[in-house]
Amino acid sequence: MYFDIAQLTCDLDSRRILSAIDIKPRSAKEIASASRMSMSRCYRMIKEMEQNKIISRVSIDRREMSYISNLRSIELRLEEDRLKLIVCYRDGTITDLRLGPEDLEKQVKAPMRQEMAQDLLEGTGSIEPSTVS
């Protein structure tokens, strides 16, 4: 689960969504517009982020669901041969996790995720700065 959180927050579209809903809840339509992505992509990302408890549904009215970020901050560091992931949630909960190469090999199953794990360990991947804090 926590590796999924790290992977999702490294994704540019996920960071755009989190930036859009960091301060106040927004509908999927508002999120898609603010994030400059299609509605279908937005709904897929929202579903995945909701499953990983990165965002929550907030009912503003009966017709439309809104979403808000559960995250206060994410910190991902490379310390020696380990990844250190610190997740701070809006409710004050803090998760501190350390992953080594052997942990990533156990958790990673899909080929795309294996590439992501290798990119994280090698320090390659997205050069986009994170806007989530």
N, C-alpha and C. Protein backbone atom coordinates (compact mmCIF):
# COMPACT_ATOMS: atom_id res chain seq x y z
N MET A 1 0.82 -1.19 0.00
CA MET A 1 0.00 0.00 0.00
C MET A 1 0.87 1.26 0.00
N TYR A 2 1.89 1.31 0.88
CA TYR A 2 2.68 2.53 0.97
C TYR A 2 3.54 2.76 -0.26
N PHE A 3 3.98 1.66 -0.91
CA PHE A 3 4.71 1.84 -2.15
C PHE A 3 3.78 2.41 -3.21
N ASP A 4 2.50 1.99 -3.20
CA ASP A 4 1.53 2.55 -4.13
C ASP A 4 1.35 4.05 -3.90
N ILE A 5 1.36 4.46 -2.64
CA ILE A 5 1.25 5.89 -2.32
C ILE A 5 2.45 6.64 -2.89
N ALA A 6 3.64 6.09 -2.71
CA ALA A 6 4.85 6.73 -3.26
C ALA A 6 4.77 6.81 -4.77
N GLN A 7 4.35 5.73 -5.40
CA GLN A 7 4.25 5.71 -6.86
C GLN A 7 3.22 6.72 -7.34
N LEU A 8 2.07 6.77 -6.69
CA LEU A 8 1.03 7.71 -7.11
C LEU A 8 1.47 9.15 -6.93
N THR A 9 2.16 9.46 -5.85
CA THR A 9 2.57 10.84 -5.64
C THR A 9 3.74 11.25 -6.53
N CYS A 10 4.41 10.29 -7.15
CA CYS A 10 5.46 10.60 -8.13
C CYS A 10 4.87 10.88 -9.50
N ASP A 11 3.60 10.55 -9.69
CA ASP A 11 2.92 10.75 -10.97
C ASP A 11 2.46 12.20 -11.09
N LEU A 12 2.75 12.82 -12.22
CA LEU A 12 2.41 14.23 -12.43
C LEU A 12 0.91 14.48 -12.32
N ASP A 13 0.08 13.62 -12.93
CA ASP A 13 -1.37 13.81 -12.85
C ASP A 13 -1.88 13.70 -11.41
N SER A 14 -1.33 12.76 -10.66
CA SER A 14 -1.73 12.63 -9.25
C SER A 14 -1.38 13.89 -8.46
N ARG A 15 -0.21 14.43 -8.72
CA ARG A 15 0.20 15.66 -8.03
C ARG A 15 -0.70 16.83 -8.41
N ARG A 16 -1.12 16.87 -9.65
CA ARG A 16 -2.04 17.93 -10.07
C ARG A 16 -3.37 17.80 -9.34
N ILE A 17 -3.86 16.56 -9.23
CA ILE A 17 -5.12 16.32 -8.52
C ILE A 17 -4.97 16.73 -7.05
N LEU A 18 -3.89 16.29 -6.42
CA LEU A 18 -3.67 16.63 -5.01
C LEU A 18 -3.57 18.14 -4.80
N SER A 19 -2.93 18.83 -5.72
CA SER A 19 -2.84 20.29 -5.63
C SER A 19 -4.21 20.94 -5.75
N ALA A 20 -5.06 20.36 -6.61
CA ALA A 20 -6.39 20.91 -6.83
C ALA A 20 -7.30 20.75 -5.62
N ILE A 21 -7.07 19.70 -4.82
CA ILE A 21 -7.98 19.42 -3.70
C ILE A 21 -7.29 19.52 -2.34
N ASP A 22 -6.16 20.19 -2.29
CA ASP A 22 -5.41 20.30 -1.04
C ASP A 22 -6.14 21.17 -0.01
N ILE A 23 -6.72 22.28 -0.45
CA ILE A 23 -7.30 23.24 0.49
C ILE A 23 -8.80 23.05 0.67
N LYS A 24 -9.50 22.84 -0.43
CA LYS A 24 -10.95 22.68 -0.32
C LYS A 24 -11.43 21.54 -1.22
N PRO A 25 -12.54 20.92 -0.85
CA PRO A 25 -13.08 19.83 -1.68
C PRO A 25 -13.53 20.34 -3.05
N ARG A 26 -13.37 19.47 -4.03
CA ARG A 26 -13.82 19.79 -5.39
C ARG A 26 -14.46 18.57 -6.01
N SER A 27 -15.34 18.81 -6.96
CA SER A 27 -15.98 17.72 -7.71
C SER A 27 -15.00 17.17 -8.73
N ALA A 28 -15.31 16.00 -9.26
CA ALA A 28 -14.46 15.39 -10.29
C ALA A 28 -14.34 16.31 -11.50
N LYS A 29 -15.43 16.96 -11.86
CA LYS A 29 -15.41 17.88 -13.00
C LYS A 29 -14.45 19.06 -12.74
N GLU A 30 -14.51 19.61 -11.53
CA GLU A 30 -13.61 20.72 -11.18
C GLU A 30 -12.16 20.25 -11.13
N ILE A 31 -11.95 19.04 -10.61
CA ILE A 31 -10.59 18.49 -10.53
C ILE A 31 -10.03 18.30 -11.93
N ALA A 32 -10.83 17.71 -12.83
CA ALA A 32 -10.38 17.47 -14.21
C ALA A 32 -10.02 18.79 -14.89
N SER A 33 -10.84 19.80 -14.68
CA SER A 33 -10.58 21.11 -15.29
C SER A 33 -9.30 21.74 -14.72
N ALA A 34 -9.17 21.73 -13.40
CA ALA A 34 -7.98 22.32 -12.77
C ALA A 34 -6.71 21.55 -13.10
N SER A 35 -6.85 20.24 -13.31
CA SER A 35 -5.69 19.38 -13.57
C SER A 35 -5.39 19.22 -15.06
N ARG A 36 -6.25 19.79 -15.91
CA ARG A 36 -6.08 19.71 -17.36
C ARG A 36 -5.99 18.25 -17.84
N MET A 37 -6.98 17.44 -17.45
CA MET A 37 -7.01 16.06 -17.91
C MET A 37 -8.44 15.67 -18.27
N SER A 38 -8.56 14.58 -19.00
CA SER A 38 -9.89 14.12 -19.41
C SER A 38 -10.66 13.62 -18.19
N MET A 39 -11.99 13.62 -18.30
CA MET A 39 -12.82 13.13 -17.20
C MET A 39 -12.54 11.66 -16.91
N SER A 40 -12.37 10.86 -17.97
CA SER A 40 -12.14 9.43 -17.75
C SER A 40 -10.82 9.20 -17.01
N ARG A 41 -9.78 9.91 -17.39
CA ARG A 41 -8.49 9.80 -16.70
C ARG A 41 -8.63 10.28 -15.25
N CYS A 42 -9.34 11.37 -15.06
CA CYS A 42 -9.55 11.92 -13.73
C CYS A 42 -10.26 10.90 -12.83
N TYR A 43 -11.33 10.29 -13.34
CA TYR A 43 -12.06 9.29 -12.55
C TYR A 43 -11.19 8.08 -12.22
N ARG A 44 -10.37 7.63 -13.17
CA ARG A 44 -9.47 6.50 -12.89
C ARG A 44 -8.47 6.85 -11.79
N MET A 45 -7.91 8.05 -11.88
CA MET A 45 -6.94 8.48 -10.88
C MET A 45 -7.61 8.65 -9.51
N ILE A 46 -8.79 9.25 -9.50
CA ILE A 46 -9.53 9.43 -8.24
C ILE A 46 -9.81 8.08 -7.60
N LYS A 47 -10.25 7.11 -8.40
CA LYS A 47 -10.55 5.78 -7.86
C LYS A 47 -9.31 5.15 -7.24
N GLU A 48 -8.19 5.21 -7.94
CA GLU A 48 -6.95 4.62 -7.43
C GLU A 48 -6.47 5.35 -6.18
N MET A 49 -6.57 6.67 -6.18
CA MET A 49 -6.13 7.44 -5.02
C MET A 49 -7.05 7.21 -3.82
N GLU A 50 -8.32 7.02 -4.09
CA GLU A 50 -9.28 6.74 -3.02
C GLU A 50 -9.02 5.35 -2.42
N GLN A 51 -8.71 4.37 -3.27
CA GLN A 51 -8.40 3.03 -2.78
C GLN A 51 -7.17 3.02 -1.89
N ASN A 52 -6.23 3.91 -2.16
CA ASN A 52 -5.00 4.00 -1.36
C ASN A 52 -5.12 5.02 -0.23
N LYS A 53 -6.33 5.51 -0.01
CA LYS A 53 -6.63 6.44 1.08
C LYS A 53 -5.83 7.75 0.99
N ILE A 54 -5.49 8.13 -0.23
CA ILE A 54 -4.80 9.40 -0.44
C ILE A 54 -5.81 10.54 -0.46
N ILE A 55 -7.01 10.25 -0.96
CA ILE A 55 -8.09 11.24 -0.98
C ILE A 55 -9.34 10.60 -0.38
N SER A 56 -10.29 11.46 0.00
CA SER A 56 -11.57 11.00 0.56
C SER A 56 -12.72 11.70 -0.13
N ARG A 57 -13.85 11.00 -0.16
CA ARG A 57 -15.08 11.61 -0.66
C ARG A 57 -15.67 12.49 0.42
N VAL A 58 -16.18 13.63 -0.01
CA VAL A 58 -16.87 14.54 0.88
C VAL A 58 -18.16 14.91 0.18
N SER A 59 -19.28 14.67 0.83
CA SER A 59 -20.57 14.97 0.21
C SER A 59 -20.92 16.43 0.47
N ILE A 60 -20.91 17.22 -0.57
CA ILE A 60 -21.28 18.62 -0.46
C ILE A 60 -22.79 18.76 -0.66
N ASP A 61 -23.30 18.09 -1.65
CA ASP A 61 -24.75 18.04 -1.85
C ASP A 61 -25.12 16.65 -2.36
N ARG A 62 -26.38 16.38 -2.50
CA ARG A 62 -26.84 15.03 -2.86
C ARG A 62 -26.53 14.65 -4.30
N ARG A 63 -26.36 15.62 -5.16
CA ARG A 63 -26.17 15.32 -6.58
C ARG A 63 -24.73 15.05 -6.97
N GLU A 64 -23.80 15.58 -6.23
CA GLU A 64 -22.41 15.51 -6.67
C GLU A 64 -21.48 15.24 -5.49
N MET A 65 -20.55 14.31 -5.71
CA MET A 65 -19.53 14.03 -4.70
C MET A 65 -18.34 14.95 -4.92
N SER A 66 -17.72 15.33 -3.84
CA SER A 66 -16.49 16.10 -3.91
C SER A 66 -15.40 15.31 -3.21
N TYR A 67 -14.17 15.69 -3.47
CA TYR A 67 -13.02 14.97 -2.94
C TYR A 67 -12.06 15.95 -2.30
N ILE A 68 -11.35 15.46 -1.27
CA ILE A 68 -10.33 16.27 -0.62
C ILE A 68 -9.13 15.39 -0.31
N SER A 69 -7.96 15.98 -0.31
CA SER A 69 -6.73 15.24 -0.03
C SER A 69 -6.67 14.85 1.44
N ASN A 70 -6.23 13.63 1.71
CA ASN A 70 -5.97 13.17 3.08
C ASN A 70 -4.54 13.45 3.50
N LEU A 71 -3.72 13.91 2.56
CA LEU A 71 -2.30 14.07 2.83
C LEU A 71 -1.94 15.48 3.23
N ARG A 72 -1.03 15.58 4.18
CA ARG A 72 -0.44 16.86 4.52
C ARG A 72 0.91 16.98 3.81
N SER A 73 1.69 15.88 3.85
CA SER A 73 2.97 15.88 3.13
C SER A 73 3.44 14.45 2.89
N ILE A 74 4.31 14.34 1.89
CA ILE A 74 4.97 13.07 1.55
C ILE A 74 6.45 13.38 1.41
N GLU A 75 7.27 12.58 2.02
CA GLU A 75 8.71 12.75 1.88
C GLU A 75 9.30 11.40 1.46
N LEU A 76 10.01 11.40 0.37
CA LEU A 76 10.64 10.19 -0.14
C LEU A 76 12.14 10.47 -0.25
N ARG A 77 12.94 9.69 0.48
CA ARG A 77 14.39 9.89 0.49
C ARG A 77 15.09 8.58 0.19
N LEU A 78 16.24 8.70 -0.41
CA LEU A 78 17.11 7.54 -0.62
C LEU A 78 18.21 7.62 0.43
N GLU A 79 18.24 6.63 1.32
CA GLU A 79 19.25 6.56 2.37
C GLU A 79 20.00 5.25 2.20
N GLU A 80 21.26 5.36 1.80
CA GLU A 80 22.10 4.21 1.46
C GLU A 80 21.38 3.41 0.37
N ASP A 81 21.02 2.15 0.64
CA ASP A 81 20.34 1.36 -0.39
C ASP A 81 18.85 1.22 -0.09
N ARG A 82 18.31 2.09 0.72
CA ARG A 82 16.91 2.01 1.12
C ARG A 82 16.16 3.29 0.76
N LEU A 83 14.88 3.11 0.47
CA LEU A 83 13.98 4.24 0.30
C LEU A 83 13.32 4.50 1.64
N LYS A 84 13.27 5.73 2.05
CA LYS A 84 12.56 6.10 3.27
C LYS A 84 11.35 6.92 2.85
N LEU A 85 10.18 6.46 3.24
CA LEU A 85 8.93 7.13 2.89
C LEU A 85 8.26 7.58 4.18
N ILE A 86 8.03 8.88 4.29
CA ILE A 86 7.30 9.43 5.43
C ILE A 86 6.03 10.07 4.88
N VAL A 87 4.89 9.56 5.35
CA VAL A 87 3.59 10.05 4.92
C VAL A 87 2.92 10.71 6.12
N CYS A 88 2.61 12.00 6.00
CA CYS A 88 1.89 12.73 7.05
C CYS A 88 0.47 13.00 6.55
N TYR A 89 -0.49 12.50 7.29
CA TYR A 89 -1.89 12.65 6.90
C TYR A 89 -2.51 13.89 7.55
N ARG A 90 -3.59 14.34 6.96
CA ARG A 90 -4.31 15.52 7.43
C ARG A 90 -4.75 15.39 8.89
N ASP A 91 -5.07 14.16 9.32
CA ASP A 91 -5.54 13.93 10.70
C ASP A 91 -4.40 13.88 11.72
N GLY A 92 -3.16 14.06 11.27
CA GLY A 92 -2.01 14.06 12.17
C GLY A 92 -1.26 12.75 12.24
N THR A 93 -1.79 11.69 11.65
CA THR A 93 -1.12 10.40 11.62
C THR A 93 0.13 10.49 10.75
N ILE A 94 1.21 9.87 11.22
CA ILE A 94 2.47 9.84 10.46
C ILE A 94 2.89 8.40 10.27
N THR A 95 3.23 8.04 9.05
CA THR A 95 3.74 6.71 8.73
C THR A 95 5.16 6.85 8.25
N ASP A 96 6.07 6.10 8.86
CA ASP A 96 7.49 6.12 8.51
C ASP A 96 7.85 4.72 8.04
N LEU A 97 8.24 4.58 6.79
CA LEU A 97 8.50 3.27 6.21
C LEU A 97 9.85 3.27 5.51
N ARG A 98 10.59 2.20 5.67
CA ARG A 98 11.87 2.04 4.98
C ARG A 98 11.79 0.80 4.10
N LEU A 99 12.13 0.95 2.85
CA LEU A 99 12.08 -0.15 1.89
C LEU A 99 13.45 -0.37 1.27
N GLY A 100 13.89 -1.62 1.27
CA GLY A 100 15.12 -1.99 0.60
C GLY A 100 14.81 -2.69 -0.70
N PRO A 101 15.83 -3.02 -1.49
CA PRO A 101 15.60 -3.69 -2.77
C PRO A 101 14.80 -4.98 -2.62
N GLU A 102 15.06 -5.73 -1.56
CA GLU A 102 14.34 -7.00 -1.36
C GLU A 102 12.85 -6.76 -1.08
N ASP A 103 12.51 -5.67 -0.39
CA ASP A 103 11.11 -5.34 -0.12
C ASP A 103 10.39 -4.94 -1.40
N LEU A 104 11.06 -4.17 -2.24
CA LEU A 104 10.44 -3.73 -3.48
C LEU A 104 10.21 -4.90 -4.42
N GLU A 105 11.13 -5.85 -4.44
CA GLU A 105 10.96 -7.02 -5.31
C GLU A 105 9.76 -7.85 -4.88
N LYS A 106 9.48 -7.93 -3.58
CA LYS A 106 8.33 -8.67 -3.08
C LYS A 106 7.02 -7.98 -3.42
N GLN A 107 7.01 -6.65 -3.29
CA GLN A 107 5.78 -5.89 -3.45
C GLN A 107 5.43 -5.59 -4.90
N VAL A 108 6.42 -5.57 -5.77
CA VAL A 108 6.21 -5.16 -7.15
C VAL A 108 5.92 -6.38 -8.01
N LYS A 109 4.79 -6.32 -8.73
CA LYS A 109 4.42 -7.46 -9.55
C LYS A 109 4.28 -7.10 -11.03
N ALA A 110 3.64 -5.98 -11.32
CA ALA A 110 3.40 -5.60 -12.71
C ALA A 110 4.69 -5.04 -13.32
N PRO A 111 4.94 -5.28 -14.62
CA PRO A 111 6.16 -4.78 -15.27
C PRO A 111 6.32 -3.26 -15.14
N MET A 112 5.22 -2.51 -15.27
CA MET A 112 5.33 -1.06 -15.17
C MET A 112 5.80 -0.67 -13.77
N ARG A 113 5.30 -1.34 -12.76
CA ARG A 113 5.69 -1.03 -11.39
C ARG A 113 7.14 -1.42 -11.14
N GLN A 114 7.62 -2.48 -11.78
CA GLN A 114 9.02 -2.86 -11.62
C GLN A 114 9.92 -1.75 -12.17
N GLU A 115 9.52 -1.18 -13.30
CA GLU A 115 10.29 -0.07 -13.86
C GLU A 115 10.28 1.12 -12.91
N MET A 116 9.12 1.38 -12.30
CA MET A 116 9.01 2.49 -11.37
C MET A 116 9.91 2.27 -10.16
N ALA A 117 9.91 1.04 -9.62
CA ALA A 117 10.76 0.73 -8.47
C ALA A 117 12.23 0.92 -8.82
N GLN A 118 12.62 0.46 -10.00
CA GLN A 118 14.01 0.61 -10.43
C GLN A 118 14.36 2.08 -10.61
N ASP A 119 13.43 2.86 -11.20
CA ASP A 119 13.66 4.30 -11.35
C ASP A 119 13.86 4.97 -10.00
N LEU A 120 13.04 4.59 -9.01
CA LEU A 120 13.16 5.19 -7.69
C LEU A 120 14.50 4.85 -7.05
N LEU A 121 14.93 3.60 -7.20
CA LEU A 121 16.20 3.18 -6.61
C LEU A 121 17.40 3.82 -7.31
N GLU A 122 17.28 4.02 -8.63
CA GLU A 122 18.38 4.59 -9.39
C GLU A 122 18.35 6.11 -9.42
N GLY A 123 17.25 6.69 -8.94
CA GLY A 123 17.15 8.15 -8.92
C GLY A 123 16.76 8.73 -10.26
N THR A 124 16.22 7.91 -11.16
CA THR A 124 15.75 8.41 -12.44
C THR A 124 14.25 8.60 -12.36
N GLY A 125 13.60 8.87 -13.45
CA GLY A 125 12.15 9.03 -13.45
C GLY A 125 11.79 10.46 -13.72
N SER A 126 10.65 10.88 -13.18
CA SER A 126 10.13 12.21 -13.42
C SER A 126 11.08 13.29 -12.91
N ILE A 127 11.29 14.30 -13.73
CA ILE A 127 12.10 15.43 -13.28
C ILE A 127 11.22 16.59 -12.86
N GLU A 128 9.90 16.37 -12.90
CA GLU A 128 8.95 17.39 -12.49
C GLU A 128 9.02 17.56 -10.97
N PRO A 129 9.09 18.78 -10.48
CA PRO A 129 9.09 18.97 -9.03
C PRO A 129 7.71 18.68 -8.47
N SER A 130 7.66 18.17 -7.27
CA SER A 130 6.39 17.90 -6.63
C SER A 130 5.78 19.21 -6.16
N THR A 131 4.47 19.34 -6.34
CA THR A 131 3.78 20.53 -5.86
C THR A 131 3.02 20.23 -4.58
N VAL A 132 3.11 19.00 -4.11
CA VAL A 132 2.38 18.60 -2.91
C VAL A 132 3.28 18.80 -1.71
N SER A 133 2.79 19.51 -0.72
CA SER A 133 3.58 19.70 0.50
C SER A 133 2.71 19.59 1.72
